[in-house]
Amino acid sequence: MRAPIQLNLHLPNFNYPGVAPEALFDRLVDIVKTAEASGFTSVTLMDHYHQIPPVGPPENYMFEGNTMLAGLAARTEKINLGLLVGGVTYRNPAQHAKITTTLDFVSGGRGFHGIGAGWFEEEHRAYGYDFPPLKERFERLEDHLRIVRAMFTQEQATVDGTHHSVRDAYNNPKPLRGDIPILIGGSGEKKTLRFVAKYADGCNLFGDPERADHLLGVLRGHCEDVGRDPSEITKTVMMSLVVAEDEAALEAKLDDLRARLPAERVAATTSGTPDRIRERAEAYKSVGIEGVTFSLADVHDLDAVALAGETLAPVFAA
């Protein structure tokens, strides 16, 4: 079961110009419905408790991701929903499996399970979570992956892990599709991509087309080692995006971003007219990338969401 993330709108920020807190949920619903109508296959939220650098200062708004996904699922019809990506240190794996299964039911079979090793040490300190060394976080990630797959598919799940185990655990009712796609985020060549090959239905990589080509080669090697067909895994890349109909409109958008956002965030944003953005997307597609996950700095503008979907859906969403 491949992860349904060929064209994914990522929503990492909730501070929108002119949108008061009491209007935020309705604006998010409008954004996601616009994405749904414009060719996006999925929408994702972060799994954080306060805002991360360089997206914004820590005091900015941040919702609990799973709860908000369920709210959005109840207001939409066909778009897929998940975390990009869940932090393995924040929840017991069996509990997280139950949460995603509940999302699957609320959405009518559109939930997917995003998970990663976690990285934001400051956040762990602030909210009372242990932040073990990277080696242990990867051990916990492997426990998590084994447990959630068992919870999704087995009548009763029994898994003996290094840090987490389950014994005759129920997850009833079972997911509507009989299983739930698992997405692993990250580009680590030794462990993350090996876990993708062994356990995942989708991955989200970082880098330009040349870097993506290299990482896909690493993933193919891990798939060969574990006896997995790489075509079973949806392979996407992450970017920040600004798209406008013409050069004048594009420069106006970039001027607005320069006034509102840190310089390093603007510099890391891929920008262009629809033709240029499609050309960039085709460069990724030519090396084997099957989709893009991107955030829009002007996502509060529904016309910008629609233009992004209409620009990239012909490349990836089909």
Protein backbone atom coordinates (compact mmCIF):
# COMPACT_ATOMS: atom_id res chain seq x y z
CA MET A 1 0.00 0.00 0.00
CA ARG A 2 1.84 3.09 -1.26
CA ALA A 3 1.58 6.33 0.69
CA PRO A 4 -0.88 8.74 -1.05
CA ILE A 5 1.40 11.79 -0.93
CA GLN A 6 2.28 12.56 -4.56
CA LEU A 7 1.27 16.21 -4.17
CA ASN A 8 1.28 17.18 -0.52
CA LEU A 9 0.51 20.57 0.99
CA HIS A 10 2.40 20.95 4.26
CA LEU A 11 1.02 23.41 6.83
CA PRO A 12 3.80 24.29 9.32
CA ASN A 13 2.57 27.77 10.25
CA PHE A 14 -0.72 29.11 11.63
CA ASN A 15 0.03 32.84 12.00
CA TYR A 16 -1.76 34.33 9.00
CA PRO A 17 -2.07 38.07 8.26
CA GLY A 18 -5.46 39.36 9.33
CA VAL A 19 -6.67 36.02 10.74
CA ALA A 20 -7.57 36.10 14.44
CA PRO A 21 -7.25 32.94 16.58
CA GLU A 22 -11.02 32.40 16.64
CA ALA A 23 -11.07 32.38 12.81
CA LEU A 24 -8.08 30.07 12.37
CA PHE A 25 -9.88 26.74 12.13
CA ASP A 26 -12.30 28.02 9.50
CA ARG A 27 -9.39 29.43 7.48
CA LEU A 28 -7.57 26.08 7.73
CA VAL A 29 -10.69 24.31 6.49
CA ASP A 30 -10.86 26.72 3.54
CA ILE A 31 -7.17 26.14 2.76
CA VAL A 32 -7.53 22.36 2.81
CA LYS A 33 -10.76 22.38 0.80
CA THR A 34 -9.04 24.58 -1.79
CA ALA A 35 -6.13 22.14 -1.93
CA GLU A 36 -8.58 19.27 -2.30
CA ALA A 37 -10.25 20.98 -5.25
CA SER A 38 -6.93 21.93 -6.90
CA GLY A 39 -5.36 18.49 -7.32
CA PHE A 40 -3.48 17.94 -4.08
CA THR A 41 -3.45 14.34 -2.92
CA SER A 42 -2.70 15.05 0.75
CA VAL A 43 -2.17 17.62 3.47
CA THR A 44 0.19 17.32 6.44
CA LEU A 45 0.77 19.07 9.76
CA MET A 46 3.85 19.12 11.99
CA ASP A 47 4.08 17.23 15.26
CA HIS A 48 5.35 20.04 17.48
CA TYR A 49 4.21 21.83 20.61
CA HIS A 50 5.65 25.20 19.78
CA GLN A 51 6.94 26.74 16.59
CA ILE A 52 10.32 25.65 15.25
CA PRO A 53 13.14 27.67 13.70
CA PRO A 54 13.33 28.96 11.01
CA VAL A 55 9.54 28.87 10.45
CA GLY A 56 8.95 31.40 13.22
CA PRO A 57 9.48 32.35 16.88
CA PRO A 58 8.51 29.79 19.54
CA GLU A 59 5.57 31.83 20.81
CA ASN A 60 3.75 31.56 17.48
CA TYR A 61 0.59 29.47 17.24
CA MET A 62 0.88 25.67 17.19
CA PHE A 63 -1.92 23.09 17.27
CA GLU A 64 -1.70 19.48 18.39
CA GLY A 65 -1.33 17.81 15.00
CA ASN A 66 -3.44 14.67 15.33
CA THR A 67 -6.40 16.52 16.83
CA MET A 68 -6.35 19.16 14.10
CA LEU A 69 -6.07 16.49 11.38
CA ALA A 70 -9.21 14.83 12.72
CA GLY A 71 -11.04 18.15 12.63
CA LEU A 72 -9.97 18.74 9.03
CA ALA A 73 -10.88 15.16 8.09
CA ALA A 74 -14.44 15.76 9.24
CA ARG A 75 -14.73 18.81 6.95
CA THR A 76 -13.23 17.29 3.77
CA GLU A 77 -14.09 14.47 1.39
CA LYS A 78 -11.14 13.04 -0.54
CA ILE A 79 -7.80 14.52 0.49
CA ASN A 80 -5.45 12.30 2.56
CA LEU A 81 -4.17 13.49 5.95
CA GLY A 82 -1.20 12.76 8.21
CA LEU A 83 1.67 14.10 10.27
CA LEU A 84 4.96 15.15 8.68
CA VAL A 85 6.17 13.55 10.79
CA GLY A 86 5.30 12.27 14.25
CA GLY A 87 8.04 12.40 16.87
CA VAL A 88 8.81 8.92 18.16
CA THR A 89 9.52 10.23 21.66
CA TYR A 90 6.11 11.86 22.16
CA ARG A 91 3.78 8.84 22.33
CA ASN A 92 3.64 5.19 23.18
CA PRO A 93 3.63 3.35 19.80
CA ALA A 94 0.43 1.41 20.52
CA GLN A 95 -1.33 4.62 21.53
CA HIS A 96 -0.13 6.29 18.34
CA ALA A 97 -1.44 3.38 16.26
CA LYS A 98 -4.86 3.83 17.89
CA ILE A 99 -4.76 7.59 17.20
CA THR A 100 -4.02 7.11 13.50
CA THR A 101 -6.64 4.38 13.21
CA THR A 102 -9.18 6.79 14.71
CA LEU A 103 -8.13 9.42 12.13
CA ASP A 104 -8.63 6.78 9.44
CA PHE A 105 -12.23 6.29 10.57
CA VAL A 106 -13.01 9.99 10.94
CA SER A 107 -11.69 10.55 7.40
CA GLY A 108 -13.35 7.53 5.81
CA GLY A 109 -10.04 5.81 5.06
CA ARG A 110 -7.81 8.81 4.27
CA GLY A 111 -5.39 8.77 7.20
CA PHE A 112 -1.70 7.86 6.97
CA HIS A 113 0.93 7.41 9.68
CA GLY A 114 3.95 9.72 9.57
CA ILE A 115 6.82 9.03 11.97
CA GLY A 116 10.47 9.95 12.51
CA ALA A 117 13.23 9.77 15.11
CA GLY A 118 12.60 13.26 16.52
CA TRP A 119 15.16 16.07 16.68
CA PHE A 120 13.98 19.20 18.54
CA GLU A 121 15.78 18.93 21.88
CA GLU A 122 14.58 22.33 23.13
CA GLU A 123 10.97 21.25 22.79
CA HIS A 124 11.59 18.04 24.72
CA ARG A 125 13.04 20.04 27.60
CA ALA A 126 10.20 22.55 27.58
CA TYR A 127 7.39 19.99 27.73
CA GLY A 128 8.96 17.33 29.92
CA TYR A 129 9.85 14.67 27.34
CA ASP A 130 13.03 12.63 27.58
CA PHE A 131 15.45 13.25 24.72
CA PRO A 132 17.62 10.13 24.51
CA PRO A 133 20.73 9.88 22.32
CA LEU A 134 20.22 9.37 18.60
CA LYS A 135 21.07 5.66 18.80
CA GLU A 136 18.26 5.07 21.28
CA ARG A 137 15.81 7.21 19.30
CA PHE A 138 16.42 5.00 16.28
CA GLU A 139 15.91 1.91 18.44
CA ARG A 140 12.62 3.39 19.58
CA LEU A 141 11.72 4.19 15.98
CA GLU A 142 12.22 0.58 14.93
CA ASP A 143 10.12 -0.62 17.88
CA HIS A 144 7.45 1.88 16.84
CA LEU A 145 7.41 0.77 13.20
CA ARG A 146 7.08 -2.91 14.12
CA ILE A 147 4.34 -2.24 16.66
CA VAL A 148 2.15 0.07 14.58
CA ARG A 149 2.21 -2.28 11.57
CA ALA A 150 1.21 -5.16 13.82
CA MET A 151 -1.54 -3.05 15.38
CA PHE A 152 -2.85 -2.07 11.94
CA THR A 153 -2.90 -5.59 10.49
CA GLN A 154 -2.98 -8.31 13.16
CA GLU A 155 -5.99 -9.52 15.11
CA GLN A 156 -3.93 -9.17 18.29
CA ALA A 157 -0.48 -7.59 18.16
CA THR A 158 2.49 -9.08 19.99
CA VAL A 159 5.87 -7.44 19.46
CA ASP A 160 8.94 -7.68 21.68
CA GLY A 161 10.98 -4.51 21.20
CA THR A 162 14.08 -2.98 22.73
CA HIS A 163 12.23 -0.14 24.52
CA HIS A 164 8.55 -0.72 23.68
CA SER A 165 6.61 -3.98 23.48
CA VAL A 166 2.98 -5.06 23.15
CA ARG A 167 1.36 -8.33 24.16
CA ASP A 168 -1.95 -9.50 22.65
CA ALA A 169 -2.96 -5.88 21.99
CA TYR A 170 -6.25 -5.15 20.24
CA ASN A 171 -6.81 -2.39 17.71
CA ASN A 172 -10.46 -2.85 16.90
CA PRO A 173 -12.06 -1.94 14.65
CA LYS A 174 -9.26 -2.47 12.17
CA PRO A 175 -8.37 0.30 9.68
CA LEU A 176 -10.93 0.70 6.92
CA ARG A 177 -8.41 -0.34 4.24
CA GLY A 178 -7.08 -3.27 6.27
CA ASP A 179 -3.81 -1.38 6.79
CA ILE A 180 -2.59 2.22 6.96
CA PRO A 181 0.31 3.61 4.89
CA ILE A 182 3.41 4.49 6.91
CA LEU A 183 5.56 7.47 5.94
CA ILE A 184 9.09 7.93 7.32
CA GLY A 185 10.61 11.40 7.09
CA GLY A 186 14.33 12.09 6.71
CA SER A 187 17.31 11.46 4.46
CA GLY A 188 19.75 9.59 6.70
CA GLU A 189 21.51 7.11 4.47
CA LYS A 190 22.50 4.42 6.99
CA LYS A 191 19.45 4.05 9.21
CA THR A 192 16.52 6.19 8.04
CA LEU A 193 16.54 4.94 4.46
CA ARG A 194 17.14 1.37 5.66
CA PHE A 195 14.01 1.67 7.80
CA VAL A 196 12.14 3.06 4.77
CA ALA A 197 13.14 0.01 2.76
CA LYS A 198 12.18 -2.39 5.53
CA TYR A 199 9.00 -0.85 6.93
CA ALA A 200 7.60 2.17 5.05
CA ASP A 201 5.15 2.90 2.25
CA GLY A 202 6.48 6.40 1.64
CA CYS A 203 9.50 8.62 2.29
CA ASN A 204 10.14 12.34 2.16
CA LEU A 205 13.67 13.36 1.18
CA PHE A 206 15.62 16.62 1.26
CA GLY A 207 17.84 18.17 -1.39
CA ASP A 208 18.10 19.24 -5.03
CA PRO A 209 17.55 16.79 -7.91
CA GLU A 210 21.19 15.65 -7.86
CA ARG A 211 20.99 14.92 -4.13
CA ALA A 212 17.63 13.20 -4.59
CA ASP A 213 19.13 10.99 -7.30
CA HIS A 214 21.89 9.93 -4.91
CA LEU A 215 19.45 9.20 -2.07
CA LEU A 216 17.21 7.14 -4.33
CA GLY A 217 20.24 5.05 -5.24
CA VAL A 218 20.94 4.48 -1.56
CA LEU A 219 17.29 3.50 -1.02
CA ARG A 220 17.42 1.04 -3.91
CA GLY A 221 20.46 -0.58 -2.32
CA HIS A 222 18.66 -0.99 1.01
CA CYS A 223 15.60 -2.39 -0.78
CA GLU A 224 17.81 -4.97 -2.51
CA ASP A 225 19.33 -5.93 0.85
CA VAL A 226 15.93 -6.58 2.46
CA GLY A 227 14.23 -8.06 -0.60
CA ARG A 228 11.83 -5.15 -1.18
CA ASP A 229 10.60 -3.77 -4.49
CA PRO A 230 11.37 0.01 -4.45
CA SER A 231 8.26 0.67 -6.53
CA GLU A 232 6.17 -0.16 -3.43
CA ILE A 233 7.42 3.07 -1.78
CA THR A 234 6.19 6.57 -2.74
CA LYS A 235 9.27 8.79 -2.98
CA THR A 236 8.83 12.54 -2.49
CA VAL A 237 10.97 15.61 -1.76
CA MET A 238 10.46 18.57 0.55
CA MET A 239 10.58 22.24 -0.41
CA SER A 240 9.22 25.70 0.35
CA LEU A 241 7.47 27.28 -2.61
CA VAL A 242 6.31 30.61 -3.98
CA VAL A 243 4.51 30.62 -7.32
CA ALA A 244 2.92 33.53 -9.19
CA GLU A 245 1.37 33.95 -12.61
CA ASP A 246 4.00 36.41 -13.91
CA GLU A 247 7.32 38.01 -12.96
CA ALA A 248 5.78 41.19 -11.56
CA ALA A 249 3.42 39.28 -9.29
CA LEU A 250 6.28 37.01 -8.24
CA GLU A 251 8.51 39.91 -7.24
CA ALA A 252 5.66 41.46 -5.25
CA LYS A 253 5.20 38.20 -3.35
CA LEU A 254 8.92 37.94 -2.65
CA ASP A 255 9.02 41.55 -1.40
CA ASP A 256 6.21 40.72 1.00
CA LEU A 257 8.07 37.64 2.24
CA ARG A 258 11.28 39.60 2.76
CA ALA A 259 9.34 42.01 4.96
CA ARG A 260 7.76 39.23 7.06
CA LEU A 261 10.19 36.32 7.22
CA PRO A 262 13.82 35.66 8.17
CA ALA A 263 16.24 36.12 5.28
CA GLU A 264 17.42 32.49 5.45
CA ARG A 265 13.89 31.20 5.04
CA VAL A 266 13.28 33.38 1.99
CA ALA A 267 16.61 32.30 0.50
CA ALA A 268 15.65 28.63 0.89
CA THR A 269 12.35 29.10 -0.94
CA THR A 270 11.90 27.83 -4.49
CA SER A 271 10.15 30.58 -6.45
CA GLY A 272 8.96 31.06 -9.99
CA THR A 273 6.15 31.31 -12.50
CA PRO A 274 4.17 28.12 -13.20
CA ASP A 275 6.41 27.19 -16.15
CA ARG A 276 9.58 27.50 -14.05
CA ILE A 277 8.08 25.56 -11.15
CA ARG A 278 6.96 22.76 -13.48
CA GLU A 279 10.45 22.67 -14.99
CA ARG A 280 11.91 22.19 -11.51
CA ALA A 281 9.37 19.48 -10.76
CA GLU A 282 10.21 17.67 -13.99
CA ALA A 283 13.89 17.68 -13.00
CA TYR A 284 12.97 15.80 -9.83
CA LYS A 285 10.68 13.46 -11.71
CA SER A 286 13.45 12.64 -14.20
CA VAL A 287 15.60 11.10 -11.43
CA GLY A 288 12.74 9.03 -9.97
CA ILE A 289 11.03 11.37 -7.51
CA GLU A 290 7.27 10.74 -7.62
CA GLY A 291 5.93 13.74 -5.76
CA VAL A 292 6.61 16.88 -3.78
CA THR A 293 5.74 18.02 -0.28
CA PHE A 294 5.84 21.77 0.01
CA SER A 295 4.81 24.64 2.22
CA LEU A 296 3.53 27.93 0.81
CA ALA A 297 4.58 31.11 2.57
CA ASP A 298 1.30 32.72 1.40
CA VAL A 299 -0.88 29.68 2.09
CA HIS A 300 -3.48 31.96 3.72
CA ASP A 301 -4.18 33.23 0.18
CA LEU A 302 -6.57 30.67 -1.32
CA ASP A 303 -5.70 31.79 -4.86
CA ALA A 304 -2.06 30.92 -4.15
CA VAL A 305 -3.06 27.45 -2.96
CA ALA A 306 -5.15 26.89 -6.08
CA LEU A 307 -2.37 28.08 -8.40
CA ALA A 308 0.19 25.78 -6.74
CA GLY A 309 -2.09 22.78 -7.10
CA GLU A 310 -2.99 23.56 -10.69
CA THR A 311 0.71 24.04 -11.50
CA LEU A 312 1.99 20.78 -10.05
CA ALA A 313 -0.95 18.37 -10.18
CA PRO A 314 -0.37 17.66 -13.90
CA VAL A 315 3.22 16.63 -13.07
CA PHE A 316 2.65 14.45 -10.02
CA ALA A 317 -0.90 13.89 -8.86
CA ALA A 318 -2.03 11.76 -11.82
